[in-house]
Full PDB file with SEQRES, HELIX, SHEET, SSBOND, CRYST1, ORIGX, SCALE, CONECT and MASTER records, all heavy atoms in Angstrom:
SEQRES   1 A   45  TYR ASP VAL ASN THR ASP THR THR LYS ALA ILE ASP LYS          
SEQRES   2 A   45  ALA ALA ASP ALA VAL VAL GLY ILE ASN ASN ILE GLN ASN          
SEQRES   3 A   45  SER ASN PHE TRP TYR ASP GLU SER GLY ASP ASP GLN GLY          
SEQRES   4 A   45  PRO ALA GLY THR GLY SER                                      
HELIX    1 AA1 ASP A    6  ALA A   14  1                                   9    
HELIX    2 AA2 ALA A   15  ALA A   17  5                                   3    
SHEET    1 AA1 2 ILE A  21  ASN A  23  0                                        
SHEET    2 AA1 2 GLY A  42  GLY A  44 -1                                        
CRYST1    1.000    1.000    1.000  90.00  90.00  90.00 P 1           1          
ORIGX1      1.000000  0.000000  0.000000        0.00000                         
ORIGX2      0.000000  1.000000  0.000000        0.00000                         
ORIGX3      0.000000  0.000000  1.000000        0.00000                         
SCALE1      1.000000  0.000000  0.000000        0.00000                         
SCALE2      0.000000  1.000000  0.000000        0.00000                         
SCALE3      0.000000  0.000000  1.000000        0.00000                         
ATOM      1  N   TYR A   1      -9.890  26.865 -10.094  1.00  0.00           N  
ATOM      2  CA  TYR A   1     -10.079  27.190  -8.694  1.00  0.00           C  
ATOM      3  C   TYR A   1      -8.919  26.642  -7.875  1.00  0.00           C  
ATOM      4  O   TYR A   1      -8.480  25.512  -8.090  1.00  0.00           O  
ATOM      5  CB  TYR A   1     -11.387  26.572  -8.166  1.00  0.00           C  
ATOM      6  CG  TYR A   1     -12.631  27.148  -8.791  1.00  0.00           C  
ATOM      7  CD1 TYR A   1     -13.230  26.523  -9.877  1.00  0.00           C  
ATOM      8  CD2 TYR A   1     -13.197  28.316  -8.313  1.00  0.00           C  
ATOM      9  CE1 TYR A   1     -14.366  27.048 -10.465  1.00  0.00           C  
ATOM     10  CE2 TYR A   1     -14.335  28.846  -8.883  1.00  0.00           C  
ATOM     11  CZ  TYR A   1     -14.921  28.213  -9.959  1.00  0.00           C  
ATOM     12  OH  TYR A   1     -16.036  28.725 -10.532  1.00  0.00           O  
ATOM     13  N   ASP A   2      -8.425  27.405  -6.963  1.00  0.00           N  
ATOM     14  CA  ASP A   2      -7.425  26.944  -5.994  1.00  0.00           C  
ATOM     15  C   ASP A   2      -8.167  26.732  -4.682  1.00  0.00           C  
ATOM     16  O   ASP A   2      -8.379  27.668  -3.920  1.00  0.00           O  
ATOM     17  CB  ASP A   2      -6.308  27.980  -5.851  1.00  0.00           C  
ATOM     18  CG  ASP A   2      -5.206  27.494  -4.914  1.00  0.00           C  
ATOM     19  OD1 ASP A   2      -5.220  26.297  -4.568  1.00  0.00           O  
ATOM     20  OD2 ASP A   2      -4.352  28.314  -4.532  1.00  0.00           O  
ATOM     21  N   VAL A   3      -8.594  25.472  -4.465  1.00  0.00           N  
ATOM     22  CA  VAL A   3      -9.449  25.171  -3.321  1.00  0.00           C  
ATOM     23  C   VAL A   3      -8.581  24.886  -2.103  1.00  0.00           C  
ATOM     24  O   VAL A   3      -7.753  23.973  -2.107  1.00  0.00           O  
ATOM     25  CB  VAL A   3     -10.358  23.961  -3.614  1.00  0.00           C  
ATOM     26  CG1 VAL A   3     -11.201  23.627  -2.392  1.00  0.00           C  
ATOM     27  CG2 VAL A   3     -11.247  24.259  -4.803  1.00  0.00           C  
ATOM     28  N   ASN A   4      -8.747  25.653  -1.072  1.00  0.00           N  
ATOM     29  CA  ASN A   4      -8.069  25.430   0.193  1.00  0.00           C  
ATOM     30  C   ASN A   4      -9.108  25.458   1.306  1.00  0.00           C  
ATOM     31  O   ASN A   4      -9.618  26.518   1.662  1.00  0.00           O  
ATOM     32  CB  ASN A   4      -7.003  26.497   0.447  1.00  0.00           C  
ATOM     33  CG  ASN A   4      -5.750  26.266  -0.370  1.00  0.00           C  
ATOM     34  OD1 ASN A   4      -5.044  25.286  -0.162  1.00  0.00           O  
ATOM     35  ND2 ASN A   4      -5.478  27.153  -1.322  1.00  0.00           N  
ATOM     36  N   THR A   5      -9.438  24.281   1.793  1.00  0.00           N  
ATOM     37  CA  THR A   5     -10.382  24.175   2.894  1.00  0.00           C  
ATOM     38  C   THR A   5      -9.678  23.512   4.067  1.00  0.00           C  
ATOM     39  O   THR A   5      -8.543  23.032   3.955  1.00  0.00           O  
ATOM     40  CB  THR A   5     -11.599  23.334   2.491  1.00  0.00           C  
ATOM     41  OG1 THR A   5     -11.174  21.975   2.274  1.00  0.00           O  
ATOM     42  CG2 THR A   5     -12.256  23.865   1.225  1.00  0.00           C  
ATOM     43  N   ASP A   6     -10.352  23.449   5.205  1.00  0.00           N  
ATOM     44  CA  ASP A   6      -9.781  22.758   6.356  1.00  0.00           C  
ATOM     45  C   ASP A   6      -9.520  21.293   6.024  1.00  0.00           C  
ATOM     46  O   ASP A   6      -8.537  20.708   6.478  1.00  0.00           O  
ATOM     47  CB  ASP A   6     -10.728  22.861   7.550  1.00  0.00           C  
ATOM     48  CG  ASP A   6     -10.774  24.270   8.124  1.00  0.00           C  
ATOM     49  OD1 ASP A   6      -9.827  25.041   7.863  1.00  0.00           O  
ATOM     50  OD2 ASP A   6     -11.747  24.605   8.821  1.00  0.00           O  
ATOM     51  N   THR A   7     -10.406  20.706   5.218  1.00  0.00           N  
ATOM     52  CA  THR A   7     -10.237  19.299   4.855  1.00  0.00           C  
ATOM     53  C   THR A   7      -8.995  19.092   3.996  1.00  0.00           C  
ATOM     54  O   THR A   7      -8.180  18.203   4.264  1.00  0.00           O  
ATOM     55  CB  THR A   7     -11.479  18.794   4.098  1.00  0.00           C  
ATOM     56  OG1 THR A   7     -12.631  18.923   4.937  1.00  0.00           O  
ATOM     57  CG2 THR A   7     -11.316  17.330   3.707  1.00  0.00           C  
ATOM     58  N   THR A   8      -8.822  19.894   2.959  1.00  0.00           N  
ATOM     59  CA  THR A   8      -7.652  19.729   2.094  1.00  0.00           C  
ATOM     60  C   THR A   8      -6.365  20.010   2.852  1.00  0.00           C  
ATOM     61  O   THR A   8      -5.344  19.355   2.627  1.00  0.00           O  
ATOM     62  CB  THR A   8      -7.741  20.647   0.862  1.00  0.00           C  
ATOM     63  OG1 THR A   8      -7.823  22.019   1.289  1.00  0.00           O  
ATOM     64  CG2 THR A   8      -8.974  20.311   0.027  1.00  0.00           C  
ATOM     65  N   LYS A   9      -6.388  20.959   3.759  1.00  0.00           N  
ATOM     66  CA  LYS A   9      -5.194  21.257   4.562  1.00  0.00           C  
ATOM     67  C   LYS A   9      -4.855  20.079   5.479  1.00  0.00           C  
ATOM     68  O   LYS A   9      -3.681  19.742   5.669  1.00  0.00           O  
ATOM     69  CB  LYS A   9      -5.415  22.519   5.389  1.00  0.00           C  
ATOM     70  CG  LYS A   9      -5.480  23.797   4.560  1.00  0.00           C  
ATOM     71  CD  LYS A   9      -5.802  24.994   5.432  1.00  0.00           C  
ATOM     72  CE  LYS A   9      -5.940  26.270   4.593  1.00  0.00           C  
ATOM     73  NZ  LYS A   9      -6.339  27.435   5.429  1.00  0.00           N  
ATOM     74  N   ALA A  10      -5.890  19.454   6.048  1.00  0.00           N  
ATOM     75  CA  ALA A  10      -5.655  18.295   6.918  1.00  0.00           C  
ATOM     76  C   ALA A  10      -5.043  17.136   6.135  1.00  0.00           C  
ATOM     77  O   ALA A  10      -4.116  16.465   6.616  1.00  0.00           O  
ATOM     78  CB  ALA A  10      -6.965  17.861   7.579  1.00  0.00           C  
ATOM     79  N   ILE A  11      -5.540  16.898   4.929  1.00  0.00           N  
ATOM     80  CA  ILE A  11      -5.008  15.811   4.110  1.00  0.00           C  
ATOM     81  C   ILE A  11      -3.577  16.116   3.681  1.00  0.00           C  
ATOM     82  O   ILE A  11      -2.704  15.232   3.706  1.00  0.00           O  
ATOM     83  CB  ILE A  11      -5.906  15.572   2.880  1.00  0.00           C  
ATOM     84  CG1 ILE A  11      -7.324  15.172   3.328  1.00  0.00           C  
ATOM     85  CG2 ILE A  11      -5.305  14.500   1.984  1.00  0.00           C  
ATOM     86  CD1 ILE A  11      -7.380  13.981   4.250  1.00  0.00           C  
ATOM     87  N   ASP A  12      -3.308  17.353   3.281  1.00  0.00           N  
ATOM     88  CA  ASP A  12      -1.948  17.739   2.904  1.00  0.00           C  
ATOM     89  C   ASP A  12      -0.978  17.491   4.058  1.00  0.00           C  
ATOM     90  O   ASP A  12       0.171  17.088   3.848  1.00  0.00           O  
ATOM     91  CB  ASP A  12      -1.892  19.213   2.504  1.00  0.00           C  
ATOM     92  CG  ASP A  12      -2.511  19.476   1.147  1.00  0.00           C  
ATOM     93  OD1 ASP A  12      -2.686  18.505   0.385  1.00  0.00           O  
ATOM     94  OD2 ASP A  12      -2.829  20.647   0.861  1.00  0.00           O  
ATOM     95  N   LYS A  13      -1.439  17.723   5.261  1.00  0.00           N  
ATOM     96  CA  LYS A  13      -0.581  17.571   6.437  1.00  0.00           C  
ATOM     97  C   LYS A  13      -0.299  16.110   6.760  1.00  0.00           C  
ATOM     98  O   LYS A  13       0.803  15.750   7.174  1.00  0.00           O  
ATOM     99  CB  LYS A  13      -1.241  18.252   7.640  1.00  0.00           C  
ATOM    100  CG  LYS A  13      -0.443  18.190   8.927  1.00  0.00           C  
ATOM    101  CD  LYS A  13      -1.152  18.977  10.020  1.00  0.00           C  
ATOM    102  CE  LYS A  13      -0.365  18.937  11.319  1.00  0.00           C  
ATOM    103  NZ  LYS A  13      -1.045  19.734  12.387  1.00  0.00           N  
ATOM    104  N   ALA A  14      -1.287  15.239   6.561  1.00  0.00           N  
ATOM    105  CA  ALA A  14      -1.185  13.862   7.063  1.00  0.00           C  
ATOM    106  C   ALA A  14      -0.895  12.818   5.997  1.00  0.00           C  
ATOM    107  O   ALA A  14      -0.368  11.750   6.308  1.00  0.00           O  
ATOM    108  CB  ALA A  14      -2.481  13.491   7.790  1.00  0.00           C  
ATOM    109  N   ALA A  15      -1.226  13.083   4.738  1.00  0.00           N  
ATOM    110  CA  ALA A  15      -1.234  12.023   3.721  1.00  0.00           C  
ATOM    111  C   ALA A  15       0.122  11.360   3.522  1.00  0.00           C  
ATOM    112  O   ALA A  15       0.214  10.138   3.373  1.00  0.00           O  
ATOM    113  CB  ALA A  15      -1.752  12.581   2.392  1.00  0.00           C  
ATOM    114  N   ASP A  16       1.197  12.145   3.504  1.00  0.00           N  
ATOM    115  CA  ASP A  16       2.513  11.575   3.220  1.00  0.00           C  
ATOM    116  C   ASP A  16       3.037  10.707   4.356  1.00  0.00           C  
ATOM    117  O   ASP A  16       4.031   9.984   4.173  1.00  0.00           O  
ATOM    118  CB  ASP A  16       3.522  12.684   2.918  1.00  0.00           C  
ATOM    119  CG  ASP A  16       3.323  13.274   1.530  1.00  0.00           C  
ATOM    120  OD1 ASP A  16       2.642  12.628   0.714  1.00  0.00           O  
ATOM    121  OD2 ASP A  16       3.824  14.380   1.267  1.00  0.00           O  
ATOM    122  N   ALA A  17       2.414  10.780   5.520  1.00  0.00           N  
ATOM    123  CA  ALA A  17       2.820   9.929   6.641  1.00  0.00           C  
ATOM    124  C   ALA A  17       2.128   8.569   6.609  1.00  0.00           C  
ATOM    125  O   ALA A  17       2.450   7.693   7.409  1.00  0.00           O  
ATOM    126  CB  ALA A  17       2.527  10.628   7.965  1.00  0.00           C  
ATOM    127  N   VAL A  18       1.168   8.386   5.687  1.00  0.00           N  
ATOM    128  CA  VAL A  18       0.448   7.119   5.568  1.00  0.00           C  
ATOM    129  C   VAL A  18       1.095   6.293   4.461  1.00  0.00           C  
ATOM    130  O   VAL A  18       1.318   6.791   3.359  1.00  0.00           O  
ATOM    131  CB  VAL A  18      -1.046   7.348   5.269  1.00  0.00           C  
ATOM    132  CG1 VAL A  18      -1.781   6.017   5.147  1.00  0.00           C  
ATOM    133  CG2 VAL A  18      -1.675   8.201   6.363  1.00  0.00           C  
ATOM    134  N   VAL A  19       1.407   5.038   4.760  1.00  0.00           N  
ATOM    135  CA  VAL A  19       2.148   4.185   3.830  1.00  0.00           C  
ATOM    136  C   VAL A  19       1.399   2.885   3.585  1.00  0.00           C  
ATOM    137  O   VAL A  19       0.464   2.537   4.311  1.00  0.00           O  
ATOM    138  CB  VAL A  19       3.551   3.872   4.384  1.00  0.00           C  
ATOM    139  CG1 VAL A  19       4.360   5.150   4.549  1.00  0.00           C  
ATOM    140  CG2 VAL A  19       3.459   3.121   5.714  1.00  0.00           C  
ATOM    141  N   GLY A  20       1.827   2.180   2.551  1.00  0.00           N  
ATOM    142  CA  GLY A  20       1.318   0.832   2.294  1.00  0.00           C  
ATOM    143  C   GLY A  20       2.227  -0.195   2.944  1.00  0.00           C  
ATOM    144  O   GLY A  20       3.429   0.020   3.080  1.00  0.00           O  
ATOM    145  N   ILE A  21       1.655  -1.329   3.350  1.00  0.00           N  
ATOM    146  CA  ILE A  21       2.410  -2.429   3.954  1.00  0.00           C  
ATOM    147  C   ILE A  21       2.206  -3.675   3.096  1.00  0.00           C  
ATOM    148  O   ILE A  21       1.072  -4.085   2.846  1.00  0.00           O  
ATOM    149  CB  ILE A  21       1.940  -2.734   5.390  1.00  0.00           C  
ATOM    150  CG1 ILE A  21       1.942  -1.463   6.254  1.00  0.00           C  
ATOM    151  CG2 ILE A  21       2.805  -3.834   6.007  1.00  0.00           C  
ATOM    152  CD1 ILE A  21       3.297  -0.949   6.608  1.00  0.00           C  
ATOM    153  N   ASN A  22       3.309  -4.269   2.647  1.00  0.00           N  
ATOM    154  CA  ASN A  22       3.256  -5.538   1.920  1.00  0.00           C  
ATOM    155  C   ASN A  22       3.736  -6.662   2.829  1.00  0.00           C  
ATOM    156  O   ASN A  22       4.855  -6.620   3.338  1.00  0.00           O  
ATOM    157  CB  ASN A  22       4.134  -5.488   0.662  1.00  0.00           C  
ATOM    158  CG  ASN A  22       3.521  -4.632  -0.432  1.00  0.00           C  
ATOM    159  OD1 ASN A  22       2.302  -4.500  -0.512  1.00  0.00           O  
ATOM    160  ND2 ASN A  22       4.356  -4.034  -1.252  1.00  0.00           N  
ATOM    161  N   ASN A  23       2.878  -7.652   3.020  1.00  0.00           N  
ATOM    162  CA  ASN A  23       3.191  -8.839   3.819  1.00  0.00           C  
ATOM    163  C   ASN A  23       3.603  -9.945   2.848  1.00  0.00           C  
ATOM    164  O   ASN A  23       2.777 -10.484   2.114  1.00  0.00           O  
ATOM    165  CB  ASN A  23       1.957  -9.243   4.627  1.00  0.00           C  
ATOM    166  CG  ASN A  23       2.167 -10.487   5.455  1.00  0.00           C  
ATOM    167  OD1 ASN A  23       2.877 -11.398   5.076  1.00  0.00           O  
ATOM    168  ND2 ASN A  23       1.501 -10.543   6.601  1.00  0.00           N  
ATOM    169  N   ILE A  24       4.891 -10.276   2.845  1.00  0.00           N  
ATOM    170  CA  ILE A  24       5.429 -11.260   1.899  1.00  0.00           C  
ATOM    171  C   ILE A  24       5.700 -12.558   2.648  1.00  0.00           C  
ATOM    172  O   ILE A  24       6.440 -12.566   3.637  1.00  0.00           O  
ATOM    173  CB  ILE A  24       6.720 -10.736   1.249  1.00  0.00           C  
ATOM    174  CG1 ILE A  24       6.439  -9.405   0.534  1.00  0.00           C  
ATOM    175  CG2 ILE A  24       7.287 -11.757   0.262  1.00  0.00           C  
ATOM    176  CD1 ILE A  24       7.677  -8.666   0.096  1.00  0.00           C  
ATOM    177  N   GLN A  25       5.100 -13.659   2.185  1.00  0.00           N  
ATOM    178  CA  GLN A  25       5.214 -14.932   2.890  1.00  0.00           C  
ATOM    179  C   GLN A  25       5.827 -16.036   2.038  1.00  0.00           C  
ATOM    180  O   GLN A  25       5.850 -17.183   2.446  1.00  0.00           O  
ATOM    181  CB  GLN A  25       3.836 -15.375   3.402  1.00  0.00           C  
ATOM    182  CG  GLN A  25       3.239 -14.422   4.419  1.00  0.00           C  
ATOM    183  CD  GLN A  25       1.958 -14.933   5.027  1.00  0.00           C  
ATOM    184  OE1 GLN A  25       1.537 -16.056   4.782  1.00  0.00           O  
ATOM    185  NE2 GLN A  25       1.311 -14.097   5.829  1.00  0.00           N  
ATOM    186  N   ASN A  26       6.326 -15.689   0.857  1.00  0.00           N  
ATOM    187  CA  ASN A  26       6.920 -16.703   0.000  1.00  0.00           C  
ATOM    188  C   ASN A  26       8.210 -16.165  -0.584  1.00  0.00           C  
ATOM    189  O   ASN A  26       8.247 -15.068  -1.128  1.00  0.00           O  
ATOM    190  CB  ASN A  26       5.946 -17.073  -1.131  1.00  0.00           C  
ATOM    191  CG  ASN A  26       6.356 -18.358  -1.835  1.00  0.00           C  
ATOM    192  OD1 ASN A  26       7.491 -18.493  -2.280  1.00  0.00           O  
ATOM    193  ND2 ASN A  26       5.425 -19.285  -1.941  1.00  0.00           N  
ATOM    194  N   SER A  27       9.294 -16.940  -0.453  1.00  0.00           N  
ATOM    195  CA  SER A  27      10.592 -16.484  -0.921  1.00  0.00           C  
ATOM    196  C   SER A  27      10.770 -16.648  -2.431  1.00  0.00           C  
ATOM    197  O   SER A  27      11.671 -16.076  -3.015  1.00  0.00           O  
ATOM    198  CB  SER A  27      11.709 -17.242  -0.197  1.00  0.00           C  
ATOM    199  OG  SER A  27      11.577 -18.640  -0.408  1.00  0.00           O  
ATOM    200  N   ASN A  28       9.907 -17.463  -3.071  1.00  0.00           N  
ATOM    201  CA  ASN A  28       9.988 -17.661  -4.515  1.00  0.00           C  
ATOM    202  C   ASN A  28       9.392 -16.451  -5.223  1.00  0.00           C  
ATOM    203  O   ASN A  28       8.242 -16.081  -4.987  1.00  0.00           O  
ATOM    204  CB  ASN A  28       9.232 -18.932  -4.910  1.00  0.00           C  
ATOM    205  CG  ASN A  28       9.491 -19.320  -6.357  1.00  0.00           C  
ATOM    206  OD1 ASN A  28       9.543 -18.474  -7.240  1.00  0.00           O  
ATOM    207  ND2 ASN A  28       9.653 -20.615  -6.575  1.00  0.00           N  
ATOM    208  N   PHE A  29      10.181 -15.846  -6.096  1.00  0.00           N  
ATOM    209  CA  PHE A  29       9.751 -14.585  -6.707  1.00  0.00           C  
ATOM    210  C   PHE A  29       8.528 -14.741  -7.588  1.00  0.00           C  
ATOM    211  O   PHE A  29       7.606 -13.925  -7.554  1.00  0.00           O  
ATOM    212  CB  PHE A  29      10.914 -14.019  -7.516  1.00  0.00           C  
ATOM    213  CG  PHE A  29      10.583 -12.742  -8.246  1.00  0.00           C  
ATOM    214  CD1 PHE A  29      10.096 -11.644  -7.563  1.00  0.00           C  
ATOM    215  CD2 PHE A  29      10.740 -12.650  -9.611  1.00  0.00           C  
ATOM    216  CE1 PHE A  29       9.797 -10.478  -8.220  1.00  0.00           C  
ATOM    217  CE2 PHE A  29      10.448 -11.482 -10.280  1.00  0.00           C  
ATOM    218  CZ  PHE A  29       9.972 -10.393  -9.590  1.00  0.00           C  
ATOM    219  N   TRP A  30       8.471 -15.827  -8.407  1.00  0.00           N  
ATOM    220  CA  TRP A  30       7.397 -15.942  -9.394  1.00  0.00           C  
ATOM    221  C   TRP A  30       6.265 -16.860  -8.967  1.00  0.00           C  
ATOM    222  O   TRP A  30       5.100 -16.588  -9.256  1.00  0.00           O  
ATOM    223  CB  TRP A  30       7.963 -16.463 -10.721  1.00  0.00           C  
ATOM    224  CG  TRP A  30       8.875 -15.504 -11.405  1.00  0.00           C  
ATOM    225  CD1 TRP A  30      10.206 -15.653 -11.640  1.00  0.00           C  
ATOM    226  CD2 TRP A  30       8.528 -14.227 -11.935  1.00  0.00           C  
ATOM    227  NE1 TRP A  30      10.716 -14.561 -12.297  1.00  0.00           N  
ATOM    228  CE2 TRP A  30       9.698 -13.657 -12.490  1.00  0.00           C  
ATOM    229  CE3 TRP A  30       7.336 -13.497 -11.996  1.00  0.00           C  
ATOM    230  CZ2 TRP A  30       9.721 -12.418 -13.092  1.00  0.00           C  
ATOM    231  CZ3 TRP A  30       7.357 -12.260 -12.605  1.00  0.00           C  
ATOM    232  CH2 TRP A  30       8.533 -11.739 -13.135  1.00  0.00           C  
ATOM    233  N   TYR A  31       6.562 -17.959  -8.308  1.00  0.00           N  
ATOM    234  CA  TYR A  31       5.531 -18.969  -8.079  1.00  0.00           C  
ATOM    235  C   TYR A  31       5.504 -19.410  -6.616  1.00  0.00           C  
ATOM    236  O   TYR A  31       6.511 -19.395  -5.920  1.00  0.00           O  
ATOM    237  CB  TYR A  31       5.798 -20.209  -8.945  1.00  0.00           C  
ATOM    238  CG  TYR A  31       5.817 -19.915 -10.411  1.00  0.00           C  
ATOM    239  CD1 TYR A  31       7.020 -19.838 -11.101  1.00  0.00           C  
ATOM    240  CD2 TYR A  31       4.633 -19.699 -11.112  1.00  0.00           C  
ATOM    241  CE1 TYR A  31       7.049 -19.555 -12.449  1.00  0.00           C  
ATOM    242  CE2 TYR A  31       4.655 -19.418 -12.459  1.00  0.00           C  
ATOM    243  CZ  TYR A  31       5.857 -19.352 -13.128  1.00  0.00           C  
ATOM    244  OH  TYR A  31       5.879 -19.064 -14.463  1.00  0.00           O  
ATOM    245  N   ASP A  32       4.300 -19.821  -6.185  1.00  0.00           N  
ATOM    246  CA  ASP A  32       4.204 -20.461  -4.883  1.00  0.00           C  
ATOM    247  C   ASP A  32       4.329 -21.971  -5.074  1.00  0.00           C  
ATOM    248  O   ASP A  32       4.612 -22.463  -6.162  1.00  0.00           O  
ATOM    249  CB  ASP A  32       2.882 -20.087  -4.186  1.00  0.00           C  
ATOM    250  CG  ASP A  32       1.661 -20.557  -4.960  1.00  0.00           C  
ATOM    251  OD1 ASP A  32       1.819 -21.403  -5.862  1.00  0.00           O  
ATOM    252  OD2 ASP A  32       0.550 -20.092  -4.634  1.00  0.00           O  
ATOM    253  N   GLU A  33       4.116 -22.732  -4.023  1.00  0.00           N  
ATOM    254  CA  GLU A  33       4.337 -24.176  -4.083  1.00  0.00           C  
ATOM    255  C   GLU A  33       3.404 -24.874  -5.062  1.00  0.00           C  
ATOM    256  O   GLU A  33       3.718 -25.931  -5.603  1.00  0.00           O  
ATOM    257  CB  GLU A  33       4.184 -24.780  -2.687  1.00  0.00           C  
ATOM    258  CG  GLU A  33       5.270 -24.300  -1.715  1.00  0.00           C  
ATOM    259  CD  GLU A  33       5.055 -24.857  -0.334  1.00  0.00           C  
ATOM    260  OE1 GLU A  33       4.029 -25.544  -0.131  1.00  0.00           O  
ATOM    261  OE2 GLU A  33       5.893 -24.612   0.548  1.00  0.00           O  
ATOM    262  N   SER A  34       2.260 -24.312  -5.328  1.00  0.00           N  
ATOM    263  CA  SER A  34       1.314 -24.938  -6.248  1.00  0.00           C  
ATOM    264  C   SER A  34       1.564 -24.542  -7.694  1.00  0.00           C  
ATOM    265  O   SER A  34       0.893 -25.014  -8.599  1.00  0.00           O  
ATOM    266  CB  SER A  34      -0.121 -24.553  -5.871  1.00  0.00           C  
ATOM    267  OG  SER A  34      -0.317 -23.173  -6.031  1.00  0.00           O  
ATOM    268  N   GLY A  35       2.547 -23.632  -7.911  1.00  0.00           N  
ATOM    269  CA  GLY A  35       2.849 -23.194  -9.268  1.00  0.00           C  
ATOM    270  C   GLY A  35       2.064 -21.974  -9.690  1.00  0.00           C  
ATOM    271  O   GLY A  35       2.200 -21.509 -10.814  1.00  0.00           O  
ATOM    272  N   ASP A  36       1.220 -21.433  -8.801  1.00  0.00           N  
ATOM    273  CA  ASP A  36       0.445 -20.249  -9.151  1.00  0.00           C  
ATOM    274  C   ASP A  36       1.283 -18.997  -8.957  1.00  0.00           C  
ATOM    275  O   ASP A  36       2.247 -18.961  -8.191  1.00  0.00           O  
ATOM    276  CB  ASP A  36      -0.814 -20.161  -8.271  1.00  0.00           C  
ATOM    277  CG  ASP A  36      -1.762 -21.318  -8.531  1.00  0.00           C  
ATOM    278  OD1 ASP A  36      -1.781 -21.801  -9.680  1.00  0.00           O  
ATOM    279  OD2 ASP A  36      -2.458 -21.727  -7.584  1.00  0.00           O  
ATOM    280  N   ASP A  37       0.870 -17.926  -9.661  1.00  0.00           N  
ATOM    281  CA  ASP A  37       1.545 -16.649  -9.467  1.00  0.00           C  
ATOM    282  C   ASP A  37       1.442 -16.249  -7.999  1.00  0.00           C  
ATOM    283  O   ASP A  37       0.392 -16.406  -7.369  1.00  0.00           O  
ATOM    284  CB  ASP A  37       0.891 -15.568 -10.341  1.00  0.00           C  
ATOM    285  CG  ASP A  37       1.190 -15.786 -11.816  1.00  0.00           C  
ATOM    286  OD1 ASP A  37       2.120 -16.542 -12.097  1.00  0.00           O  
ATOM    287  OD2 ASP A  37       0.470 -15.210 -12.649  1.00  0.00           O  
ATOM    288  N   GLN A  38       2.538 -15.691  -7.488  1.00  0.00           N  
ATOM    289  CA  GLN A  38       2.574 -15.366  -6.071  1.00  0.00           C  
ATOM    290  C   GLN A  38       2.959 -13.906  -5.881  1.00  0.00           C  
ATOM    291  O   GLN A  38       4.049 -13.490  -6.248  1.00  0.00           O  
ATOM    292  CB  GLN A  38       3.603 -16.259  -5.351  1.00  0.00           C  
ATOM    293  CG  GLN A  38       3.786 -15.937  -3.879  1.00  0.00           C  
ATOM    294  CD  GLN A  38       2.586 -16.364  -3.059  1.00  0.00           C  
ATOM    295  OE1 GLN A  38       1.745 -17.116  -3.536  1.00  0.00           O  
ATOM    296  NE2 GLN A  38       2.501 -15.880  -1.846  1.00  0.00           N  
ATOM    297  N   GLY A  39       2.050 -13.135  -5.331  1.00  0.00           N  
ATOM    298  CA  GLY A  39       2.364 -11.772  -4.930  1.00  0.00           C  
ATOM    299  C   GLY A  39       2.433 -11.717  -3.424  1.00  0.00           C  
ATOM    300  O   GLY A  39       2.572 -12.737  -2.759  1.00  0.00           O  
ATOM    301  N   PRO A  40       2.331 -10.516  -2.851  1.00  0.00           N  
ATOM    302  CA  PRO A  40       2.305 -10.418  -1.399  1.00  0.00           C  
ATOM    303  C   PRO A  40       1.118 -11.170  -0.829  1.00  0.00           C  
ATOM    304  O   PRO A  40       0.034 -11.192  -1.402  1.00  0.00           O  
ATOM    305  CB  PRO A  40       2.156  -8.903  -1.170  1.00  0.00           C  
ATOM    306  CG  PRO A  40       2.668  -8.275  -2.421  1.00  0.00           C  
ATOM    307  CD  PRO A  40       2.306  -9.225  -3.512  1.00  0.00           C  
ATOM    308  N   ALA A  41       1.314 -11.822   0.318  1.00  0.00           N  
ATOM    309  CA  ALA A  41       0.218 -12.562   0.945  1.00  0.00           C  
ATOM    310  C   ALA A  41      -0.873 -11.630   1.417  1.00  0.00           C  
ATOM    311  O   ALA A  41      -2.024 -12.022   1.536  1.00  0.00           O  
ATOM    312  CB  ALA A  41       0.755 -13.383   2.111  1.00  0.00           C  
ATOM    313  N   GLY A  42      -0.516 -10.395   1.682  1.00  0.00           N  
ATOM    314  CA  GLY A  42      -1.519  -9.442   2.120  1.00  0.00           C  
ATOM    315  C   GLY A  42      -0.979  -8.028   2.041  1.00  0.00           C  
ATOM    316  O   GLY A  42       0.233  -7.802   2.025  1.00  0.00           O  
ATOM    317  N   THR A  43      -1.869  -7.084   1.936  1.00  0.00           N  
ATOM    318  CA  THR A  43      -1.486  -5.685   1.939  1.00  0.00           C  
ATOM    319  C   THR A  43      -2.336  -4.940   2.948  1.00  0.00           C  
ATOM    320  O   THR A  43      -3.463  -5.330   3.240  1.00  0.00           O  
ATOM    321  CB  THR A  43      -1.667  -5.042   0.550  1.00  0.00           C  
ATOM    322  OG1 THR A  43      -3.043  -5.163   0.164  1.00  0.00           O  
ATOM    323  CG2 THR A  43      -0.785  -5.709  -0.481  1.00  0.00           C  
ATOM    324  N   GLY A  44      -1.783  -3.896   3.459  1.00  0.00           N  
ATOM    325  CA  GLY A  44      -2.505  -3.064   4.414  1.00  0.00           C  
ATOM    326  C   GLY A  44      -1.920  -1.668   4.392  1.00  0.00           C  
ATOM    327  O   GLY A  44      -1.258  -1.264   3.436  1.00  0.00           O  
ATOM    328  N   SER A  45      -2.156  -0.949   5.457  1.00  0.00           N  
ATOM    329  CA  SER A  45      -1.692   0.423   5.563  1.00  0.00           C  
ATOM    330  C   SER A  45      -0.937   0.597   6.873  1.00  0.00           C  
ATOM    331  O   SER A  45      -1.017  -0.247   7.771  1.00  0.00           O  
ATOM    332  CB  SER A  45      -2.875   1.395   5.505  1.00  0.00           C  
ATOM    333  OG  SER A  45      -3.654   1.182   4.341  1.00  0.00           O  
TER     334      SER A  45                                                      
MASTER        0    0    0    2    2    0    0    6  333    1    0    4          
END                                                                             
């Protein structure tokens, strides 16, 4: 089925304009001050 509804058209129009946001609060690539693995402090959109 090639489903084309108002909903799918709306998502096709808007989805690529929505991005992820990475909030990085530590300059050390692998570890934070306690020695634990450190990724982004937070993520959002």
